C-alpha atoms as a PDB file:
ATOM      1  CA  UNK A   1      -4.220  23.305 -10.672  1.00  0.00           C
ATOM      2  CA  UNK A   2      -6.603  20.375 -11.012  1.00  0.00           C
ATOM      3  CA  UNK A   3      -5.255  16.930 -10.274  1.00  0.00           C
ATOM      4  CA  UNK A   4      -5.875  14.015 -12.616  1.00  0.00           C
ATOM      5  CA  UNK A   5      -7.252  11.061 -10.674  1.00  0.00           C
ATOM      6  CA  UNK A   6      -7.746   7.526 -12.005  1.00  0.00           C
ATOM      7  CA  UNK A   7     -10.316   5.455 -10.108  1.00  0.00           C
ATOM      8  CA  UNK A   8     -10.990   1.748 -10.639  1.00  0.00           C
ATOM      9  CA  UNK A   9     -14.328   0.128  -9.844  1.00  0.00           C
ATOM     10  CA  UNK A  10     -16.330   3.316 -10.380  1.00  0.00           C
ATOM     11  CA  UNK A  11     -19.706   1.996 -11.490  1.00  0.00           C
ATOM     12  CA  UNK A  12     -21.277   2.033  -8.022  1.00  0.00           C
ATOM     13  CA  UNK A  13     -20.671   2.301  -4.293  1.00  0.00           C
ATOM     14  CA  UNK A  14     -17.465   3.897  -3.076  1.00  0.00           C
ATOM     15  CA  UNK A  15     -15.974   4.295  -6.539  1.00  0.00           C
ATOM     16  CA  UNK A  16     -18.972   6.204  -7.847  1.00  0.00           C
ATOM     17  CA  UNK A  17     -18.980   8.435  -4.766  1.00  0.00           C
ATOM     18  CA  UNK A  18     -15.266   9.132  -5.260  1.00  0.00           C
ATOM     19  CA  UNK A  19     -16.105  10.309  -8.785  1.00  0.00           C
ATOM     20  CA  UNK A  20     -18.933  12.566  -7.595  1.00  0.00           C
ATOM     21  CA  UNK A  21     -16.963  14.223  -4.827  1.00  0.00           C
ATOM     22  CA  UNK A  22     -13.762  14.698  -6.808  1.00  0.00           C
ATOM     23  CA  UNK A  23     -15.734  16.299  -9.643  1.00  0.00           C
ATOM     24  CA  UNK A  24     -17.173  18.751  -7.126  1.00  0.00           C
ATOM     25  CA  UNK A  25     -13.640  19.598  -6.011  1.00  0.00           C
ATOM     26  CA  UNK A  26     -12.670  20.504  -9.552  1.00  0.00           C
ATOM     27  CA  UNK A  27     -10.433  17.525 -10.266  1.00  0.00           C
ATOM     28  CA  UNK A  28     -10.096  15.733 -13.592  1.00  0.00           C
ATOM     29  CA  UNK A  29     -11.452  12.231 -13.093  1.00  0.00           C
ATOM     30  CA  UNK A  30     -10.841   9.149 -15.212  1.00  0.00           C
ATOM     31  CA  UNK A  31     -13.300   6.553 -13.967  1.00  0.00           C
ATOM     32  CA  UNK A  32     -13.136   2.900 -14.920  1.00  0.00           C
ATOM     33  CA  UNK A  33     -15.642   0.084 -14.821  1.00  0.00           C
ATOM     34  CA  UNK A  34     -15.691  -3.415 -16.206  1.00  0.00           C
ATOM     35  CA  UNK A  35     -18.872  -2.827 -18.204  1.00  0.00           C
ATOM     36  CA  UNK A  36     -19.618   0.775 -19.133  1.00  0.00           C
ATOM     37  CA  UNK A  37     -22.918  -0.110 -20.785  1.00  0.00           C
ATOM     38  CA  UNK A  38     -24.401  -1.067 -17.419  1.00  0.00           C
ATOM     39  CA  UNK A  39     -22.717   1.765 -15.476  1.00  0.00           C
ATOM     40  CA  UNK A  40     -25.605   4.154 -16.062  1.00  0.00           C
ATOM     41  CA  UNK A  41     -25.041   6.397 -13.026  1.00  0.00           C
ATOM     42  CA  UNK A  42     -21.386   6.794 -13.894  1.00  0.00           C
ATOM     43  CA  UNK A  43     -21.992   7.470 -17.570  1.00  0.00           C
ATOM     44  CA  UNK A  44     -24.468  10.219 -16.652  1.00  0.00           C
ATOM     45  CA  UNK A  45     -21.539  12.120 -15.112  1.00  0.00           C
ATOM     46  CA  UNK A  46     -19.206  11.800 -18.095  1.00  0.00           C
ATOM     47  CA  UNK A  47     -18.612  14.976 -20.113  1.00  0.00           C
ATOM     48  CA  UNK A  48     -15.274  14.035 -21.749  1.00  0.00           C
ATOM     49  CA  UNK A  49     -13.819  17.308 -20.473  1.00  0.00           C
ATOM     50  CA  UNK A  50     -13.260  16.798 -16.767  1.00  0.00           C
ATOM     51  CA  UNK A  51     -14.893  13.379 -16.388  1.00  0.00           C
ATOM     52  CA  UNK A  52     -13.961  10.427 -18.566  1.00  0.00           C
ATOM     53  CA  UNK A  53     -14.962   6.763 -18.492  1.00  0.00           C
ATOM     54  CA  UNK A  54     -12.751   3.889 -19.599  1.00  0.00           C
ATOM     55  CA  UNK A  55     -13.627   0.197 -19.766  1.00  0.00           C
ATOM     56  CA  UNK A  56     -11.294  -1.823 -17.555  1.00  0.00           C
ATOM     57  CA  UNK A  57     -11.282  -5.368 -16.243  1.00  0.00           C
ATOM     58  CA  UNK A  58      -8.418  -5.267 -13.747  1.00  0.00           C
ATOM     59  CA  UNK A  59      -7.983  -9.049 -13.913  1.00  0.00           C
ATOM     60  CA  UNK A  60      -7.461  -9.179 -17.699  1.00  0.00           C
ATOM     61  CA  UNK A  61      -4.090  -7.966 -18.958  1.00  0.00           C
ATOM     62  CA  UNK A  62      -5.409  -7.273 -22.456  1.00  0.00           C
ATOM     63  CA  UNK A  63      -8.059  -5.034 -20.907  1.00  0.00           C
ATOM     64  CA  UNK A  64      -5.496  -3.346 -18.646  1.00  0.00           C
ATOM     65  CA  UNK A  65      -3.174  -2.662 -21.580  1.00  0.00           C
ATOM     66  CA  UNK A  66      -5.968  -1.240 -23.738  1.00  0.00           C
ATOM     67  CA  UNK A  67      -7.268   0.893 -20.876  1.00  0.00           C
ATOM     68  CA  UNK A  68      -3.840   2.338 -20.076  1.00  0.00           C
ATOM     69  CA  UNK A  69      -3.336   3.242 -23.733  1.00  0.00           C
ATOM     70  CA  UNK A  70      -6.677   5.075 -23.701  1.00  0.00           C
ATOM     71  CA  UNK A  71      -5.858   6.779 -20.399  1.00  0.00           C
ATOM     72  CA  UNK A  72      -2.567   7.919 -21.900  1.00  0.00           C
ATOM     73  CA  UNK A  73      -4.466   9.581 -24.744  1.00  0.00           C
ATOM     74  CA  UNK A  74      -6.866  11.255 -22.304  1.00  0.00           C
ATOM     75  CA  UNK A  75      -4.072  12.386 -19.984  1.00  0.00           C
ATOM     76  CA  UNK A  76      -0.880  12.675 -22.058  1.00  0.00           C
ATOM     77  CA  UNK A  77       0.829  14.647 -19.271  1.00  0.00           C
ATOM     78  CA  UNK A  78       0.163  11.824 -16.809  1.00  0.00           C
ATOM     79  CA  UNK A  79      -1.998  11.125 -13.774  1.00  0.00           C
ATOM     80  CA  UNK A  80      -1.505  12.388 -10.234  1.00  0.00           C
ATOM     81  CA  UNK A  81      -3.382   9.756  -8.269  1.00  0.00           C
ATOM     82  CA  UNK A  82      -4.398   6.126  -8.758  1.00  0.00           C
ATOM     83  CA  UNK A  83      -7.237   4.991  -6.498  1.00  0.00           C
ATOM     84  CA  UNK A  84      -7.364   1.193  -6.543  1.00  0.00           C
ATOM     85  CA  UNK A  85     -10.974   0.728  -5.514  1.00  0.00           C
ATOM     86  CA  UNK A  86     -11.972  -2.408  -7.455  1.00  0.00           C
ATOM     87  CA  UNK A  87     -12.790  -5.250  -5.126  1.00  0.00           C
ATOM     88  CA  UNK A  88     -15.171  -8.107  -4.440  1.00  0.00           C
ATOM     89  CA  UNK A  89     -16.287  -9.723  -1.196  1.00  0.00           C
ATOM     90  CA  UNK A  90     -16.639 -13.329  -2.306  1.00  0.00           C
ATOM     91  CA  UNK A  91     -18.727 -15.725  -0.216  1.00  0.00           C
ATOM     92  CA  UNK A  92     -19.307 -13.622   2.898  1.00  0.00           C
ATOM     93  CA  UNK A  93     -20.699 -16.516   4.935  1.00  0.00           C
ATOM     94  CA  UNK A  94     -17.850 -18.931   4.135  1.00  0.00           C
ATOM     95  CA  UNK A  95     -15.512 -19.765   7.021  1.00  0.00           C
ATOM     96  CA  UNK A  96     -11.923 -21.010   6.977  1.00  0.00           C
ATOM     97  CA  UNK A  97     -13.396 -24.520   7.071  1.00  0.00           C
ATOM     98  CA  UNK A  98     -15.437 -24.284   3.890  1.00  0.00           C
ATOM     99  CA  UNK A  99     -13.968 -21.497   1.747  1.00  0.00           C
ATOM    100  CA  UNK A 100     -13.156 -23.330  -1.465  1.00  0.00           C
ATOM    101  CA  UNK A 101     -10.450 -22.864  -4.060  1.00  0.00           C
ATOM    102  CA  UNK A 102     -12.731 -21.116  -6.536  1.00  0.00           C
ATOM    103  CA  UNK A 103     -13.742 -18.463  -4.014  1.00  0.00           C
ATOM    104  CA  UNK A 104     -10.160 -17.867  -2.902  1.00  0.00           C
ATOM    105  CA  UNK A 105      -8.929 -17.555  -6.489  1.00  0.00           C
ATOM    106  CA  UNK A 106     -11.757 -15.282  -7.620  1.00  0.00           C
ATOM    107  CA  UNK A 107     -11.328 -12.895  -4.681  1.00  0.00           C
ATOM    108  CA  UNK A 108      -7.529 -12.868  -4.888  1.00  0.00           C
ATOM    109  CA  UNK A 109      -7.595 -12.262  -8.626  1.00  0.00           C
ATOM    110  CA  UNK A 110      -9.561  -9.037  -8.185  1.00  0.00           C
ATOM    111  CA  UNK A 111      -8.425  -7.763  -4.789  1.00  0.00           C
ATOM    112  CA  UNK A 112      -4.717  -8.548  -5.068  1.00  0.00           C
ATOM    113  CA  UNK A 113      -3.723  -9.393  -8.634  1.00  0.00           C
ATOM    114  CA  UNK A 114      -6.014  -6.761 -10.147  1.00  0.00           C
ATOM    115  CA  UNK A 115      -4.586  -4.092  -7.858  1.00  0.00           C
ATOM    116  CA  UNK A 116      -1.071  -5.119  -8.829  1.00  0.00           C
ATOM    117  CA  UNK A 117      -1.918  -5.229 -12.539  1.00  0.00           C
ATOM    118  CA  UNK A 118      -3.226  -1.666 -12.620  1.00  0.00           C
ATOM    119  CA  UNK A 119      -0.527  -0.284 -10.337  1.00  0.00           C
ATOM    120  CA  UNK A 120       2.239  -1.760 -12.481  1.00  0.00           C
ATOM    121  CA  UNK A 121       0.647  -0.652 -15.734  1.00  0.00           C
ATOM    122  CA  UNK A 122       0.108   2.973 -14.676  1.00  0.00           C
ATOM    123  CA  UNK A 123       3.516   3.649 -13.109  1.00  0.00           C
ATOM    124  CA  UNK A 124       4.834   5.490 -16.151  1.00  0.00           C
ATOM    125  CA  UNK A 125       1.745   7.725 -16.197  1.00  0.00           C
ATOM    126  CA  UNK A 126       2.205   8.447 -12.493  1.00  0.00           C
ATOM    127  CA  UNK A 127       5.899   9.196 -13.016  1.00  0.00           C
ATOM    128  CA  UNK A 128       5.002  12.056 -15.364  1.00  0.00           C
ATOM    129  CA  UNK A 129       3.626  13.990 -12.384  1.00  0.00           C
ATOM    130  CA  UNK A 130       5.192  14.974  -9.078  1.00  0.00           C
ATOM    131  CA  UNK A 131       2.209  13.845  -6.947  1.00  0.00           C
ATOM    132  CA  UNK A 132       2.706  10.080  -7.485  1.00  0.00           C
ATOM    133  CA  UNK A 133       0.048   8.700  -5.136  1.00  0.00           C
ATOM    134  CA  UNK A 134      -1.288   5.124  -5.159  1.00  0.00           C
ATOM    135  CA  UNK A 135      -4.286   4.969  -2.818  1.00  0.00           C
ATOM    136  CA  UNK A 136      -5.317   1.349  -2.195  1.00  0.00           C
ATOM    137  CA  UNK A 137      -8.767   0.808  -0.713  1.00  0.00           C
ATOM    138  CA  UNK A 138      -8.200  -1.950   1.818  1.00  0.00           C
ATOM    139  CA  UNK A 139     -10.089  -3.013   4.956  1.00  0.00           C
ATOM    140  CA  UNK A 140      -9.585  -3.387   8.672  1.00  0.00           C
ATOM    141  CA  UNK A 141     -10.464  -7.035   8.014  1.00  0.00           C
ATOM    142  CA  UNK A 142      -6.989  -7.284   6.488  1.00  0.00           C
ATOM    143  CA  UNK A 143      -5.345  -6.313   9.776  1.00  0.00           C
ATOM    144  CA  UNK A 144      -3.971  -9.442  11.420  1.00  0.00           C
ATOM    145  CA  UNK A 145      -3.775  -7.684  14.777  1.00  0.00           C
ATOM    146  CA  UNK A 146      -7.305  -6.251  14.753  1.00  0.00           C
ATOM    147  CA  UNK A 147      -9.026  -9.158  13.002  1.00  0.00           C
ATOM    148  CA  UNK A 148      -7.696 -12.401  14.503  1.00  0.00           C
ATOM    149  CA  UNK A 149      -9.932 -14.629  12.370  1.00  0.00           C
ATOM    150  CA  UNK A 150     -13.569 -13.683  12.739  1.00  0.00           C
ATOM    151  CA  UNK A 151     -14.893 -16.933  11.288  1.00  0.00           C
ATOM    152  CA  UNK A 152     -16.432 -15.597   8.083  1.00  0.00           C
ATOM    153  CA  UNK A 153     -15.406 -13.536   5.039  1.00  0.00           C
ATOM    154  CA  UNK A 154     -12.262 -15.645   5.053  1.00  0.00           C
ATOM    155  CA  UNK A 155     -11.247 -15.156   1.421  1.00  0.00           C
ATOM    156  CA  UNK A 156     -11.904 -11.421   1.615  1.00  0.00           C
ATOM    157  CA  UNK A 157      -9.969 -10.953   4.865  1.00  0.00           C
ATOM    158  CA  UNK A 158      -6.990 -12.946   3.630  1.00  0.00           C
ATOM    159  CA  UNK A 159      -7.006 -11.043   0.325  1.00  0.00           C
ATOM    160  CA  UNK A 160      -6.959  -7.704   2.115  1.00  0.00           C
ATOM    161  CA  UNK A 161      -4.038  -8.810   4.277  1.00  0.00           C
ATOM    162  CA  UNK A 162      -2.263  -9.720   1.041  1.00  0.00           C
ATOM    163  CA  UNK A 163      -3.202  -6.390  -0.534  1.00  0.00           C
ATOM    164  CA  UNK A 164      -1.676  -4.637   2.472  1.00  0.00           C
ATOM    165  CA  UNK A 165       1.582  -6.482   1.843  1.00  0.00           C
ATOM    166  CA  UNK A 166       1.325  -5.408  -1.791  1.00  0.00           C
ATOM    167  CA  UNK A 167       1.026  -1.813  -0.592  1.00  0.00           C
ATOM    168  CA  UNK A 168       4.205  -2.174   1.456  1.00  0.00           C
ATOM    169  CA  UNK A 169       6.020  -3.816  -1.458  1.00  0.00           C
ATOM    170  CA  UNK A 170       5.178  -0.978  -3.842  1.00  0.00           C
ATOM    171  CA  UNK A 171       5.887   1.618  -1.152  1.00  0.00           C
ATOM    172  CA  UNK A 172       9.347   0.247  -0.433  1.00  0.00           C
ATOM    173  CA  UNK A 173      10.186  -0.345  -4.065  1.00  0.00           C
ATOM    174  CA  UNK A 174       9.149   3.140  -5.175  1.00  0.00           C
ATOM    175  CA  UNK A 175      10.230   5.251  -2.189  1.00  0.00           C
ATOM    176  CA  UNK A 176      13.333   6.534  -3.965  1.00  0.00           C
ATOM    177  CA  UNK A 177      11.060   7.928  -6.689  1.00  0.00           C
ATOM    178  CA  UNK A 178       9.014   9.931  -4.154  1.00  0.00           C
ATOM    179  CA  UNK A 179       5.873   7.822  -4.509  1.00  0.00           C
ATOM    180  CA  UNK A 180       3.289   7.690  -1.740  1.00  0.00           C
ATOM    181  CA  UNK A 181       1.619   4.265  -1.611  1.00  0.00           C
ATOM    182  CA  UNK A 182      -0.913   3.647   1.163  1.00  0.00           C
ATOM    183  CA  UNK A 183      -3.658   1.268   2.291  1.00  0.00           C
ATOM    184  CA  UNK A 184      -6.874   2.887   3.493  1.00  0.00           C
ATOM    185  CA  UNK A 185      -9.797   1.397   5.426  1.00  0.00           C
ATOM    186  CA  UNK A 186     -13.014   3.140   4.312  1.00  0.00           C
ATOM    187  CA  UNK A 187     -14.985   2.142   7.404  1.00  0.00           C
ATOM    188  CA  UNK A 188     -18.002  -0.126   7.397  1.00  0.00           C
ATOM    189  CA  UNK A 189     -20.049   1.485   4.649  1.00  0.00           C
ATOM    190  CA  UNK A 190     -23.630   0.925   3.548  1.00  0.00           C
ATOM    191  CA  UNK A 191     -22.995  -0.326   0.012  1.00  0.00           C
ATOM    192  CA  UNK A 192     -23.866  -3.444  -1.968  1.00  0.00           C
ATOM    193  CA  UNK A 193     -20.655  -4.986  -0.633  1.00  0.00           C
ATOM    194  CA  UNK A 194     -20.814  -3.615   2.901  1.00  0.00           C
ATOM    195  CA  UNK A 195     -24.491  -4.352   3.425  1.00  0.00           C
ATOM    196  CA  UNK A 196     -27.270  -2.309   4.969  1.00  0.00           C
ATOM    197  CA  UNK A 197     -25.923  -2.509   8.533  1.00  0.00           C
ATOM    198  CA  UNK A 198     -22.845  -0.389   7.825  1.00  0.00           C
ATOM    199  CA  UNK A 199     -22.066   2.500  10.144  1.00  0.00           C
ATOM    200  CA  UNK A 200     -21.325   5.003   7.372  1.00  0.00           C
ATOM    201  CA  UNK A 201     -22.921   6.285   4.199  1.00  0.00           C
ATOM    202  CA  UNK A 202     -20.738   6.303   1.078  1.00  0.00           C
ATOM    203  CA  UNK A 203     -20.697  10.098   1.275  1.00  0.00           C
ATOM    204  CA  UNK A 204     -19.321  10.094   4.829  1.00  0.00           C
ATOM    205  CA  UNK A 205     -16.644   7.536   4.019  1.00  0.00           C
ATOM    206  CA  UNK A 206     -15.476   9.225   0.831  1.00  0.00           C
ATOM    207  CA  UNK A 207     -15.488  12.692   2.401  1.00  0.00           C
ATOM    208  CA  UNK A 208     -13.108  11.358   5.032  1.00  0.00           C
ATOM    209  CA  UNK A 209     -10.869   9.506   2.592  1.00  0.00           C
ATOM    210  CA  UNK A 210     -10.561  12.488   0.257  1.00  0.00           C
ATOM    211  CA  UNK A 211      -9.582  14.626   3.233  1.00  0.00           C
ATOM    212  CA  UNK A 212      -6.815  12.129   4.007  1.00  0.00           C
ATOM    213  CA  UNK A 213      -5.809  11.989   0.337  1.00  0.00           C
ATOM    214  CA  UNK A 214      -5.330  15.753   0.194  1.00  0.00           C
ATOM    215  CA  UNK A 215      -3.283  15.730   3.406  1.00  0.00           C
ATOM    216  CA  UNK A 216      -0.886  12.940   2.406  1.00  0.00           C
ATOM    217  CA  UNK A 217       2.807  13.551   3.056  1.00  0.00           C
ATOM    218  CA  UNK A 218       5.825  11.638   1.750  1.00  0.00           C
ATOM    219  CA  UNK A 219       6.461  10.437   5.302  1.00  0.00           C
ATOM    220  CA  UNK A 220       3.201   8.445   5.110  1.00  0.00           C
ATOM    221  CA  UNK A 221       4.451   6.228   2.297  1.00  0.00           C
ATOM    222  CA  UNK A 222       3.764   2.588   3.180  1.00  0.00           C
ATOM    223  CA  UNK A 223       1.231   3.281   5.938  1.00  0.00           C
ATOM    224  CA  UNK A 224      -2.221   1.873   6.748  1.00  0.00           C
ATOM    225  CA  UNK A 225      -4.930   4.144   8.143  1.00  0.00           C
ATOM    226  CA  UNK A 226      -8.687   4.647   8.124  1.00  0.00           C
ATOM    227  CA  UNK A 227     -10.980   7.263   6.601  1.00  0.00           C
ATOM    228  CA  UNK A 228     -10.462   9.482   9.673  1.00  0.00           C
ATOM    229  CA  UNK A 229      -6.685   9.315   9.344  1.00  0.00           C
ATOM    230  CA  UNK A 230      -6.216   7.053  12.364  1.00  0.00           C
ATOM    231  CA  UNK A 231      -3.270   4.670  11.988  1.00  0.00           C
ATOM    232  CA  UNK A 232      -4.071   0.958  11.809  1.00  0.00           C
ATOM    233  CA  UNK A 233      -1.788  -1.971  12.647  1.00  0.00           C
ATOM    234  CA  UNK A 234      -0.914  -4.420   9.911  1.00  0.00           C
END
């Protein structure tokens, strides 16, 4: 039976590739983007049968509430998987010495607060199904052990460390309800955010992450791993 998968940040990059590959696997996909009118590649995939698009600004609670109401109408029996993919890099050249308040707040609002907003708001939809997976797209830059302060992307790195803690918080809080909440590093991918020097194409990264998604076990709740399934330290 097809799974119903909700994906945030689906207008381009990894989110759009998630949509494409999950469609090809026969899943029902509800894709979100802040501005659907400019999400031309995404909207070309929408058929309102197995692929739906919903406007969602993860940082705005009015938008989150309206989106969840629409998602509930699209999927009245609930959703199986939430993929929290929305994220921004912020000032990539800013170091710990010159990252300012505005950059910190903007990045945290999307990468941490936005992830929390959507996760909280969709819990009842996830509870309607037995799958109950929250798949947070994180980064190895959020690993304190593997990234001991590289000197740039400070706001992004700190936000991903915080998002990893958010993953653990949800995982621990929901473990008695058989949820699986994980953080996943997609690799260094050639996208608008990752840049042209990335080691992976979006297709390679998403192929790997979907493989890990399909293999998830309850015992993996609260873990951090990469697109190949290799465990990562917090």
